[in-house]
PDB file of N, CA and C in Angstrom:
ATOM      1  N   UNK A   1      90.165  59.241  89.386  1.00  0.00           N
ATOM      2  CA  UNK A   1      88.726  59.049  89.705  1.00  0.00           C
ATOM      3  C   UNK A   1      88.556  59.010  91.192  1.00  0.00           C
ATOM      4  N   UNK A   2      87.500  59.916  91.677  1.00  0.00           N
ATOM      5  CA  UNK A   2      87.218  60.084  92.912  1.00  0.00           C
ATOM      6  C   UNK A   2      86.251  59.024  93.430  1.00  0.00           C
ATOM      7  N   UNK A   3      86.550  58.486  94.506  1.00  0.00           N
ATOM      8  CA  UNK A   3      85.788  57.307  95.112  1.00  0.00           C
ATOM      9  C   UNK A   3      85.047  57.948  96.342  1.00  0.00           C
ATOM     10  N   UNK A   4      84.090  57.102  96.787  1.00  0.00           N
ATOM     11  CA  UNK A   4      83.359  57.547  98.108  1.00  0.00           C
ATOM     12  C   UNK A   4      84.403  57.432  99.225  1.00  0.00           C
ATOM     13  N   UNK A   5      85.425  56.488  99.251  1.00  0.00           N
ATOM     14  CA  UNK A   5      86.460  56.479 100.080  1.00  0.00           C
ATOM     15  C   UNK A   5      87.198  57.891 100.238  1.00  0.00           C
ATOM     16  N   UNK A   6      87.458  58.404  99.088  1.00  0.00           N
ATOM     17  CA  UNK A   6      88.239  59.564  99.100  1.00  0.00           C
ATOM     18  C   UNK A   6      87.257  60.727  99.597  1.00  0.00           C
ATOM     19  N   UNK A   7      86.022  60.816  99.426  1.00  0.00           N
ATOM     20  CA  UNK A   7      85.085  61.790  99.945  1.00  0.00           C
ATOM     21  C   UNK A   7      85.065  61.559 101.436  1.00  0.00           C
ATOM     22  N   UNK A   8      84.997  60.385 101.948  1.00  0.00           N
ATOM     23  CA  UNK A   8      84.948  60.130 103.336  1.00  0.00           C
ATOM     24  C   UNK A   8      86.150  60.533 103.956  1.00  0.00           C
ATOM     25  N   UNK A   9      87.388  60.328 103.349  1.00  0.00           N
ATOM     26  CA  UNK A   9      88.622  60.748 104.014  1.00  0.00           C
ATOM     27  C   UNK A   9      88.645  62.264 104.081  1.00  0.00           C
ATOM     28  N   UNK A  10      88.275  62.944 103.078  1.00  0.00           N
ATOM     29  CA  UNK A  10      88.342  64.446 103.021  1.00  0.00           C
ATOM     30  C   UNK A  10      87.320  65.003 104.131  1.00  0.00           C
ATOM     31  N   UNK A  11      86.077  64.286 104.253  1.00  0.00           N
ATOM     32  CA  UNK A  11      85.257  64.764 105.185  1.00  0.00           C
ATOM     33  C   UNK A  11      85.724  64.495 106.640  1.00  0.00           C
ATOM     34  N   UNK A  12      86.455  63.480 106.779  1.00  0.00           N
ATOM     35  CA  UNK A  12      86.944  63.229 108.156  1.00  0.00           C
ATOM     36  C   UNK A  12      88.033  64.219 108.432  1.00  0.00           C
ATOM     37  N   UNK A  13      88.943  64.608 107.553  1.00  0.00           N
ATOM     38  CA  UNK A  13      89.865  65.670 107.730  1.00  0.00           C
ATOM     39  C   UNK A  13      89.211  66.901 108.048  1.00  0.00           C
ATOM     40  N   UNK A  14      88.146  67.229 107.435  1.00  0.00           N
ATOM     41  CA  UNK A  14      87.318  68.507 107.629  1.00  0.00           C
ATOM     42  C   UNK A  14      86.496  68.431 108.803  1.00  0.00           C
ATOM     43  N   UNK A  15      86.332  67.290 109.426  1.00  0.00           N
ATOM     44  CA  UNK A  15      85.527  67.023 110.600  1.00  0.00           C
ATOM     45  C   UNK A  15      84.084  67.301 110.336  1.00  0.00           C
ATOM     46  N   UNK A  16      83.623  66.696 109.046  1.00  0.00           N
ATOM     47  CA  UNK A  16      82.254  66.804 108.528  1.00  0.00           C
ATOM     48  C   UNK A  16      81.613  65.465 108.727  1.00  0.00           C
ATOM     49  N   UNK A  17      80.386  65.451 109.076  1.00  0.00           N
ATOM     50  CA  UNK A  17      79.610  64.334 108.972  1.00  0.00           C
ATOM     51  C   UNK A  17      78.600  64.318 107.818  1.00  0.00           C
ATOM     52  N   UNK A  18      78.827  63.395 106.881  1.00  0.00           N
ATOM     53  CA  UNK A  18      78.007  63.235 105.689  1.00  0.00           C
ATOM     54  C   UNK A  18      77.024  62.042 105.730  1.00  0.00           C
ATOM     55  N   UNK A  19      75.934  62.319 105.102  1.00  0.00           N
ATOM     56  CA  UNK A  19      74.997  61.184 104.861  1.00  0.00           C
ATOM     57  C   UNK A  19      75.454  60.372 103.548  1.00  0.00           C
ATOM     58  N   UNK A  20      74.881  59.237 103.528  1.00  0.00           N
ATOM     59  CA  UNK A  20      75.395  58.386 102.283  1.00  0.00           C
ATOM     60  C   UNK A  20      74.997  59.085 100.997  1.00  0.00           C
ATOM     61  N   UNK A  21      73.844  59.801 101.048  1.00  0.00           N
ATOM     62  CA  UNK A  21      73.396  60.527  99.804  1.00  0.00           C
ATOM     63  C   UNK A  21      74.310  61.690  99.596  1.00  0.00           C
ATOM     64  N   UNK A  22      74.842  62.411 100.570  1.00  0.00           N
ATOM     65  CA  UNK A  22      75.719  63.320 100.318  1.00  0.00           C
ATOM     66  C   UNK A  22      77.069  62.911  99.818  1.00  0.00           C
ATOM     67  N   UNK A  23      77.544  61.758 100.406  1.00  0.00           N
ATOM     68  CA  UNK A  23      78.773  61.190  99.893  1.00  0.00           C
ATOM     69  C   UNK A  23      78.718  60.824  98.393  1.00  0.00           C
ATOM     70  N   UNK A  24      77.622  60.417  97.874  1.00  0.00           N
ATOM     71  CA  UNK A  24      77.345  60.143  96.420  1.00  0.00           C
ATOM     72  C   UNK A  24      77.419  61.319  95.603  1.00  0.00           C
ATOM     73  N   UNK A  25      76.658  62.405  96.240  1.00  0.00           N
ATOM     74  CA  UNK A  25      76.624  63.652  95.422  1.00  0.00           C
ATOM     75  C   UNK A  25      78.039  64.240  95.313  1.00  0.00           C
ATOM     76  N   UNK A  26      78.668  64.329  96.395  1.00  0.00           N
ATOM     77  CA  UNK A  26      80.091  64.933  96.436  1.00  0.00           C
ATOM     78  C   UNK A  26      81.110  64.127  95.528  1.00  0.00           C
ATOM     79  N   UNK A  27      80.884  62.725  95.539  1.00  0.00           N
ATOM     80  CA  UNK A  27      81.797  61.978  94.753  1.00  0.00           C
ATOM     81  C   UNK A  27      81.726  62.323  93.195  1.00  0.00           C
ATOM     82  N   UNK A  28      80.337  62.462  92.834  1.00  0.00           N
ATOM     83  CA  UNK A  28      80.141  62.880  91.467  1.00  0.00           C
ATOM     84  C   UNK A  28      80.610  64.354  91.243  1.00  0.00           C
ATOM     85  N   UNK A  29      80.367  65.210  92.076  1.00  0.00           N
ATOM     86  CA  UNK A  29      80.730  66.659  91.847  1.00  0.00           C
ATOM     87  C   UNK A  29      82.192  66.745  91.848  1.00  0.00           C
ATOM     88  N   UNK A  30      82.823  66.172  92.771  1.00  0.00           N
ATOM     89  CA  UNK A  30      84.440  66.164  92.777  1.00  0.00           C
ATOM     90  C   UNK A  30      85.012  65.590  91.522  1.00  0.00           C
ATOM     91  N   UNK A  31      84.374  64.495  91.040  1.00  0.00           N
ATOM     92  CA  UNK A  31      84.902  63.906  89.811  1.00  0.00           C
ATOM     93  C   UNK A  31      84.730  64.731  88.612  1.00  0.00           C
ATOM     94  N   UNK A  32      83.530  65.389  88.562  1.00  0.00           N
ATOM     95  CA  UNK A  32      83.304  66.426  87.511  1.00  0.00           C
ATOM     96  C   UNK A  32      84.286  67.493  87.416  1.00  0.00           C
ATOM     97  N   UNK A  33      84.663  68.052  88.698  1.00  0.00           N
ATOM     98  CA  UNK A  33      85.726  69.113  88.753  1.00  0.00           C
ATOM     99  C   UNK A  33      86.904  68.558  88.234  1.00  0.00           C
ATOM    100  N   UNK A  34      87.332  67.380  88.685  1.00  0.00           N
ATOM    101  CA  UNK A  34      88.733  66.895  88.172  1.00  0.00           C
ATOM    102  C   UNK A  34      88.660  66.661  86.609  1.00  0.00           C
ATOM    103  N   UNK A  35      87.553  66.413  86.029  1.00  0.00           N
ATOM    104  CA  UNK A  35      87.424  66.092  84.619  1.00  0.00           C
ATOM    105  C   UNK A  35      87.661  67.439  83.953  1.00  0.00           C
ATOM    106  N   UNK A  36      87.044  68.631  84.400  1.00  0.00           N
ATOM    107  CA  UNK A  36      87.237  69.958  83.958  1.00  0.00           C
ATOM    108  C   UNK A  36      88.816  70.320  84.177  1.00  0.00           C
ATOM    109  N   UNK A  37      89.398  70.090  85.213  1.00  0.00           N
ATOM    110  CA  UNK A  37      90.820  70.404  85.514  1.00  0.00           C
ATOM    111  C   UNK A  37      91.553  69.548  84.463  1.00  0.00           C
ATOM    112  N   UNK A  38      91.302  68.363  84.230  1.00  0.00           N
ATOM    113  CA  UNK A  38      92.149  67.462  83.316  1.00  0.00           C
ATOM    114  C   UNK A  38      92.034  68.055  81.915  1.00  0.00           C
ATOM    115  N   UNK A  39      90.950  68.701  81.443  1.00  0.00           N
ATOM    116  CA  UNK A  39      90.851  69.359  80.137  1.00  0.00           C
ATOM    117  C   UNK A  39      91.955  70.398  79.857  1.00  0.00           C
ATOM    118  N   UNK A  40      92.450  70.912  80.965  1.00  0.00           N
ATOM    119  CA  UNK A  40      93.417  71.943  80.739  1.00  0.00           C
ATOM    120  C   UNK A  40      94.755  71.319  80.351  1.00  0.00           C
ATOM    121  N   UNK A  41      94.942  70.082  80.538  1.00  0.00           N
ATOM    122  CA  UNK A  41      96.204  69.325  80.096  1.00  0.00           C
ATOM    123  C   UNK A  41      96.227  69.292  78.469  1.00  0.00           C
ATOM    124  N   UNK A  42      94.922  69.434  77.922  1.00  0.00           N
ATOM    125  CA  UNK A  42      94.836  69.412  76.416  1.00  0.00           C
ATOM    126  C   UNK A  42      95.277  70.696  75.822  1.00  0.00           C
ATOM    127  N   UNK A  43      95.274  71.789  76.488  1.00  0.00           N
ATOM    128  CA  UNK A  43      95.609  73.075  76.003  1.00  0.00           C
ATOM    129  C   UNK A  43      97.060  73.237  75.653  1.00  0.00           C
ATOM    130  N   UNK A  44      97.488  73.759  74.535  1.00  0.00           N
ATOM    131  CA  UNK A  44      98.930  73.920  74.218  1.00  0.00           C
ATOM    132  C   UNK A  44      99.331  75.168  74.774  1.00  0.00           C
ATOM    133  N   UNK A  45     100.233  75.076  75.778  1.00  0.00           N
ATOM    134  CA  UNK A  45     100.792  76.346  76.419  1.00  0.00           C
ATOM    135  C   UNK A  45     102.228  76.411  76.229  1.00  0.00           C
ATOM    136  N   UNK A  46     102.744  75.932  75.190  1.00  0.00           N
ATOM    137  CA  UNK A  46     104.065  75.877  74.994  1.00  0.00           C
ATOM    138  C   UNK A  46     104.732  77.354  74.680  1.00  0.00           C
ATOM    139  N   UNK A  47     103.918  78.100  74.000  1.00  0.00           N
ATOM    140  CA  UNK A  47     104.261  79.509  73.657  1.00  0.00           C
ATOM    141  C   UNK A  47     103.762  80.524  74.549  1.00  0.00           C
ATOM    142  N   UNK A  48     103.208  80.159  75.624  1.00  0.00           N
ATOM    143  CA  UNK A  48     102.719  81.000  76.725  1.00  0.00           C
ATOM    144  C   UNK A  48     103.860  81.177  77.864  1.00  0.00           C
ATOM    145  N   UNK A  49     104.139  82.444  78.062  1.00  0.00           N
ATOM    146  CA  UNK A  49     105.096  82.922  79.088  1.00  0.00           C
ATOM    147  C   UNK A  49     104.454  82.696  80.422  1.00  0.00           C
ATOM    148  N   UNK A  50     105.133  81.992  81.460  1.00  0.00           N
ATOM    149  CA  UNK A  50     104.540  81.866  82.745  1.00  0.00           C
ATOM    150  C   UNK A  50     104.293  83.251  83.455  1.00  0.00           C
ATOM    151  N   UNK A  51     103.297  83.340  84.284  1.00  0.00           N
ATOM    152  CA  UNK A  51     103.034  84.682  84.800  1.00  0.00           C
ATOM    153  C   UNK A  51     102.513  84.378  86.227  1.00  0.00           C
ATOM    154  N   UNK A  52     102.656  85.467  87.115  1.00  0.00           N
ATOM    155  CA  UNK A  52     102.164  85.252  88.534  1.00  0.00           C
ATOM    156  C   UNK A  52     100.834  85.879  88.705  1.00  0.00           C
ATOM    157  N   UNK A  53     100.370  86.770  87.731  1.00  0.00           N
ATOM    158  CA  UNK A  53      99.081  87.366  87.860  1.00  0.00           C
ATOM    159  C   UNK A  53      98.294  87.157  86.501  1.00  0.00           C
ATOM    160  N   UNK A  54      97.022  87.244  86.543  1.00  0.00           N
ATOM    161  CA  UNK A  54      96.249  87.141  85.338  1.00  0.00           C
ATOM    162  C   UNK A  54      96.345  88.467  84.591  1.00  0.00           C
ATOM    163  N   UNK A  55      96.524  89.525  85.293  1.00  0.00           N
ATOM    164  CA  UNK A  55      96.650  90.848  84.691  1.00  0.00           C
ATOM    165  C   UNK A  55      98.037  91.338  84.752  1.00  0.00           C
ATOM    166  N   UNK A  56      98.600  92.010  83.668  1.00  0.00           N
ATOM    167  CA  UNK A  56      99.908  92.488  83.690  1.00  0.00           C
ATOM    168  C   UNK A  56      99.964  93.707  84.665  1.00  0.00           C
ATOM    169  N   UNK A  57     100.659  93.655  85.684  1.00  0.00           N
ATOM    170  CA  UNK A  57     100.632  94.620  86.775  1.00  0.00           C
ATOM    171  C   UNK A  57     102.081  95.303  87.008  1.00  0.00           C
ATOM    172  N   UNK A  58     102.078  96.574  86.840  1.00  0.00           N
ATOM    173  CA  UNK A  58     103.303  97.275  87.094  1.00  0.00           C
ATOM    174  C   UNK A  58     103.200  98.302  88.276  1.00  0.00           C
ATOM    175  N   UNK A  59     104.057  98.021  89.264  1.00  0.00           N
ATOM    176  CA  UNK A  59     103.963  98.854  90.444  1.00  0.00           C
ATOM    177  C   UNK A  59     104.487 100.337  90.147  1.00  0.00           C
ATOM    178  N   UNK A  60     103.765 101.344  90.314  1.00  0.00           N
ATOM    179  CA  UNK A  60     104.202 102.732  90.056  1.00  0.00           C
ATOM    180  C   UNK A  60     104.865 103.226  91.196  1.00  0.00           C
ATOM    181  N   UNK A  61     106.095 103.633  91.229  1.00  0.00           N
ATOM    182  CA  UNK A  61     106.870 104.079  92.183  1.00  0.00           C
ATOM    183  C   UNK A  61     107.219 105.717  91.907  1.00  0.00           C
ATOM    184  N   UNK A  62     107.269 106.450  93.104  1.00  0.00           N
ATOM    185  CA  UNK A  62     107.599 107.862  92.989  1.00  0.00           C
ATOM    186  C   UNK A  62     108.992 108.046  93.540  1.00  0.00           C
ATOM    187  N   UNK A  63     109.577 109.155  93.306  1.00  0.00           N
ATOM    188  CA  UNK A  63     110.922 109.457  93.917  1.00  0.00           C
ATOM    189  C   UNK A  63     110.755 109.694  95.383  1.00  0.00           C
ATOM    190  N   UNK A  64     111.762 109.222  96.094  1.00  0.00           N
ATOM    191  CA  UNK A  64     111.755 109.283  97.592  1.00  0.00           C
ATOM    192  C   UNK A  64     112.575 110.501  97.970  1.00  0.00           C
ATOM    193  N   UNK A  65     111.749 111.637  98.080  1.00  0.00           N
ATOM    194  CA  UNK A  65     112.426 112.926  98.539  1.00  0.00           C
ATOM    195  C   UNK A  65     112.070 113.314  99.877  1.00  0.00           C
ATOM    196  N   UNK A  66     113.018 113.629 100.589  1.00  0.00           N
ATOM    197  CA  UNK A  66     112.841 114.068 102.024  1.00  0.00           C
ATOM    198  C   UNK A  66     112.312 115.509 102.017  1.00  0.00           C
ATOM    199  N   UNK A  67     111.098 115.725 102.549  1.00  0.00           N
ATOM    200  CA  UNK A  67     110.576 117.012 102.736  1.00  0.00           C
ATOM    201  C   UNK A  67     110.201 117.364 104.221  1.00  0.00           C
ATOM    202  N   UNK A  68     110.897 118.359 104.705  1.00  0.00           N
ATOM    203  CA  UNK A  68     110.626 118.807 106.100  1.00  0.00           C
ATOM    204  C   UNK A  68     109.549 119.790 106.174  1.00  0.00           C
ATOM    205  N   UNK A  69     108.313 119.240 106.488  1.00  0.00           N
ATOM    206  CA  UNK A  69     107.145 120.223 106.457  1.00  0.00           C
ATOM    207  C   UNK A  69     106.919 120.824 107.840  1.00  0.00           C
ATOM    208  N   UNK A  70     107.458 120.213 108.871  1.00  0.00           N
ATOM    209  CA  UNK A  70     107.257 120.742 110.222  1.00  0.00           C
ATOM    210  C   UNK A  70     108.548 120.574 110.933  1.00  0.00           C
ATOM    211  N   UNK A  71     108.832 121.442 111.830  1.00  0.00           N
ATOM    212  CA  UNK A  71     110.002 121.386 112.638  1.00  0.00           C
ATOM    213  C   UNK A  71     109.765 120.457 113.912  1.00  0.00           C
ATOM    214  N   UNK A  72     110.726 119.938 114.471  1.00  0.00           N
ATOM    215  CA  UNK A  72     110.576 119.224 115.787  1.00  0.00           C
ATOM    216  C   UNK A  72     109.853 120.073 116.791  1.00  0.00           C
ATOM    217  N   UNK A  73     110.420 121.331 116.866  1.00  0.00           N
ATOM    218  CA  UNK A  73     109.724 122.189 117.883  1.00  0.00           C
ATOM    219  C   UNK A  73     108.230 122.430 117.688  1.00  0.00           C
ATOM    220  N   UNK A  74     107.773 122.498 116.366  1.00  0.00           N
ATOM    221  CA  UNK A  74     106.499 122.724 115.997  1.00  0.00           C
ATOM    222  C   UNK A  74     105.621 121.444 116.454  1.00  0.00           C
ATOM    223  N   UNK A  75     106.209 120.323 116.179  1.00  0.00           N
ATOM    224  CA  UNK A  75     105.604 118.957 116.579  1.00  0.00           C
ATOM    225  C   UNK A  75     105.487 118.945 118.057  1.00  0.00           C
ATOM    226  N   UNK A  76     106.573 119.241 118.797  1.00  0.00           N
ATOM    227  CA  UNK A  76     106.544 118.947 120.183  1.00  0.00           C
ATOM    228  C   UNK A  76     105.607 120.045 120.857  1.00  0.00           C
ATOM    229  N   UNK A  77     105.316 121.033 120.220  1.00  0.00           N
ATOM    230  CA  UNK A  77     104.249 122.057 120.774  1.00  0.00           C
ATOM    231  C   UNK A  77     102.950 121.413 121.043  1.00  0.00           C
ATOM    232  N   UNK A  78     102.697 120.304 120.283  1.00  0.00           N
ATOM    233  CA  UNK A  78     101.321 119.584 120.521  1.00  0.00           C
ATOM    234  C   UNK A  78     101.443 118.574 121.568  1.00  0.00           C
ATOM    235  N   UNK A  79     102.528 118.385 122.248  1.00  0.00           N
ATOM    236  CA  UNK A  79     102.727 117.260 123.160  1.00  0.00           C
ATOM    237  C   UNK A  79     102.223 117.691 124.577  1.00  0.00           C
ATOM    238  N   UNK A  80     101.280 116.935 125.223  1.00  0.00           N
ATOM    239  CA  UNK A  80     100.810 117.394 126.479  1.00  0.00           C
ATOM    240  C   UNK A  80     102.006 117.227 127.402  1.00  0.00           C
ATOM    241  N   UNK A  81     102.884 116.257 127.357  1.00  0.00           N
ATOM    242  CA  UNK A  81     104.043 116.140 128.203  1.00  0.00           C
ATOM    243  C   UNK A  81     105.228 115.770 127.301  1.00  0.00           C
ATOM    244  N   UNK A  82     106.345 116.200 127.691  1.00  0.00           N
ATOM    245  CA  UNK A  82     107.555 116.221 126.976  1.00  0.00           C
ATOM    246  C   UNK A  82     108.665 115.815 127.986  1.00  0.00           C
ATOM    247  N   UNK A  83     109.612 115.015 127.548  1.00  0.00           N
ATOM    248  CA  UNK A  83     110.833 114.738 128.333  1.00  0.00           C
ATOM    249  C   UNK A  83     112.005 114.383 127.361  1.00  0.00           C
ATOM    250  N   UNK A  84     112.995 115.143 127.628  1.00  0.00           N
ATOM    251  CA  UNK A  84     114.262 115.140 126.745  1.00  0.00           C
ATOM    252  C   UNK A  84     114.041 115.085 125.244  1.00  0.00           C
ATOM    253  N   UNK A  85     113.117 115.974 124.808  1.00  0.00           N
ATOM    254  CA  UNK A  85     112.786 116.103 123.532  1.00  0.00           C
ATOM    255  C   UNK A  85     111.902 115.066 122.924  1.00  0.00           C
ATOM    256  N   UNK A  86     111.291 114.268 123.663  1.00  0.00           N
ATOM    257  CA  UNK A  86     110.307 113.138 123.221  1.00  0.00           C
ATOM    258  C   UNK A  86     109.003 113.267 123.751  1.00  0.00           C
ATOM    259  N   UNK A  87     107.959 112.672 123.164  1.00  0.00           N
ATOM    260  CA  UNK A  87     106.550 112.695 123.851  1.00  0.00           C
ATOM    261  C   UNK A  87     106.751 111.766 125.057  1.00  0.00           C
ATOM    262  N   UNK A  88     106.104 112.270 126.095  1.00  0.00           N
ATOM    263  CA  UNK A  88     106.065 111.309 127.255  1.00  0.00           C
ATOM    264  C   UNK A  88     104.587 110.871 127.326  1.00  0.00           C
ATOM    265  N   UNK A  89     104.465 109.547 127.515  1.00  0.00           N
ATOM    266  CA  UNK A  89     103.085 109.011 127.602  1.00  0.00           C
ATOM    267  C   UNK A  89     103.021 108.207 128.965  1.00  0.00           C
ATOM    268  N   UNK A  90     101.780 107.904 129.362  1.00  0.00           N
ATOM    269  CA  UNK A  90     101.585 107.094 130.487  1.00  0.00           C
ATOM    270  C   UNK A  90     102.069 105.717 130.324  1.00  0.00           C
ATOM    271  N   UNK A  91     102.648 105.062 131.340  1.00  0.00           N
ATOM    272  CA  UNK A  91     103.015 103.635 131.395  1.00  0.00           C
ATOM    273  C   UNK A  91     101.752 102.787 131.084  1.00  0.00           C
ATOM    274  N   UNK A  92     101.945 101.787 130.279  1.00  0.00           N
ATOM    275  CA  UNK A  92     100.891 100.761 130.108  1.00  0.00           C
ATOM    276  C   UNK A  92     101.213  99.483 130.845  1.00  0.00           C
ATOM    277  N   UNK A  93     100.299  99.119 131.727  1.00  0.00           N
ATOM    278  CA  UNK A  93     100.446  97.824 132.480  1.00  0.00           C
ATOM    279  C   UNK A  93      99.903  96.653 131.697  1.00  0.00           C
TER     280      UNK A  93
END
Protein backbone atom coordinates (compact mmCIF):
# COMPACT_ATOMS: atom_id res chain seq x y z
CA UNK A 1 0.00 0.00 0.00
CA UNK A 2 1.38 3.38 -1.02
CA UNK A 3 1.23 6.11 1.60
CA UNK A 4 1.63 9.86 1.37
CA UNK A 5 5.02 9.39 3.08
CA UNK A 6 6.09 7.16 0.16
CA UNK A 7 5.02 9.79 -2.35
CA UNK A 8 6.84 12.49 -0.40
CA UNK A 9 9.99 10.35 -0.34
CA UNK A 10 9.89 9.73 -4.10
CA UNK A 11 9.17 13.41 -4.73
CA UNK A 12 12.17 14.35 -2.59
CA UNK A 13 14.42 11.96 -4.52
CA UNK A 14 13.17 13.43 -7.80
CA UNK A 15 13.50 16.94 -6.37
CA UNK A 16 9.84 17.68 -6.97
CA UNK A 17 7.72 20.03 -4.93
CA UNK A 18 4.17 18.71 -4.62
CA UNK A 19 1.11 20.34 -3.16
CA UNK A 20 -0.97 18.43 -0.61
CA UNK A 21 -3.61 17.86 -3.30
CA UNK A 22 -1.00 16.41 -5.69
CA UNK A 23 0.34 14.13 -2.96
CA UNK A 24 -3.14 12.68 -2.43
CA UNK A 25 -3.72 12.25 -6.17
CA UNK A 26 -0.35 10.52 -6.72
CA UNK A 27 -0.84 8.31 -3.68
CA UNK A 28 -4.09 7.01 -5.16
CA UNK A 29 -2.66 6.68 -8.69
CA UNK A 30 0.47 4.80 -7.57
CA UNK A 31 -1.67 2.53 -5.40
CA UNK A 32 -3.87 1.75 -8.41
CA UNK A 33 -0.82 0.95 -10.53
CA UNK A 34 0.47 -1.47 -7.89
CA UNK A 35 -2.94 -3.18 -7.75
CA UNK A 36 -2.76 -3.82 -11.50
CA UNK A 37 0.80 -5.13 -11.17
CA UNK A 38 -0.29 -7.39 -8.31
CA UNK A 39 -2.95 -8.92 -10.59
CA UNK A 40 -0.12 -10.42 -12.64
CA UNK A 41 0.73 -12.69 -9.70
CA UNK A 42 -2.64 -14.40 -10.25
CA UNK A 43 -1.74 -15.47 -13.81
CA UNK A 44 -0.46 -19.03 -14.16
CA UNK A 45 2.89 -18.78 -15.95
CA UNK A 46 4.24 -22.21 -15.00
CA UNK A 47 4.13 -23.48 -18.61
CA UNK A 48 5.45 -20.25 -20.15
CA UNK A 49 9.05 -20.21 -21.32
CA UNK A 50 11.01 -17.14 -20.09
CA UNK A 51 11.88 -14.72 -22.87
CA UNK A 52 13.93 -11.59 -23.27
CA UNK A 53 11.72 -9.99 -25.95
CA UNK A 54 7.99 -9.88 -26.51
CA UNK A 55 8.50 -10.87 -30.14
CA UNK A 56 10.52 -13.88 -31.30
CA UNK A 57 13.56 -12.28 -32.91
CA UNK A 58 16.23 -14.05 -34.93
CA UNK A 59 19.25 -12.14 -36.16
CA UNK A 60 19.90 -12.85 -39.83
CA UNK A 61 23.59 -13.17 -40.55
CA UNK A 62 25.33 -13.31 -43.90
CA UNK A 63 28.56 -15.02 -44.80
CA UNK A 64 31.60 -12.88 -44.15
CA UNK A 65 33.41 -12.90 -47.48
CA UNK A 66 36.42 -10.69 -48.19
CA UNK A 67 35.90 -8.76 -51.41
CA UNK A 68 38.60 -6.48 -52.79
CA UNK A 69 36.66 -3.90 -54.78
CA UNK A 70 39.44 -1.29 -55.00
CA UNK A 71 43.18 -1.52 -54.73
CA UNK A 72 45.19 0.52 -52.27
CA UNK A 73 46.66 2.50 -55.16
CA UNK A 74 43.17 3.39 -56.42
CA UNK A 75 42.16 4.58 -52.95
CA UNK A 76 45.36 6.56 -52.40
CA UNK A 77 44.81 8.33 -55.73
CA UNK A 78 42.02 10.26 -53.95
CA UNK A 79 44.28 11.44 -51.13
CA UNK A 80 45.26 15.13 -51.26
CA UNK A 81 48.38 14.24 -49.20
CA UNK A 82 50.09 10.90 -48.76
CA UNK A 83 52.99 9.78 -46.60
CA UNK A 84 54.47 6.27 -46.47
CA UNK A 85 51.36 4.79 -48.10
CA UNK A 86 48.92 6.43 -45.65
CA UNK A 87 46.58 9.42 -45.83
CA UNK A 88 48.27 12.48 -44.34
CA UNK A 89 45.96 14.85 -42.52
CA UNK A 90 46.55 18.12 -40.69
CA UNK A 91 47.35 17.89 -36.99
CA UNK A 92 44.42 18.63 -34.71
CA UNK A 93 45.18 20.78 -31.66
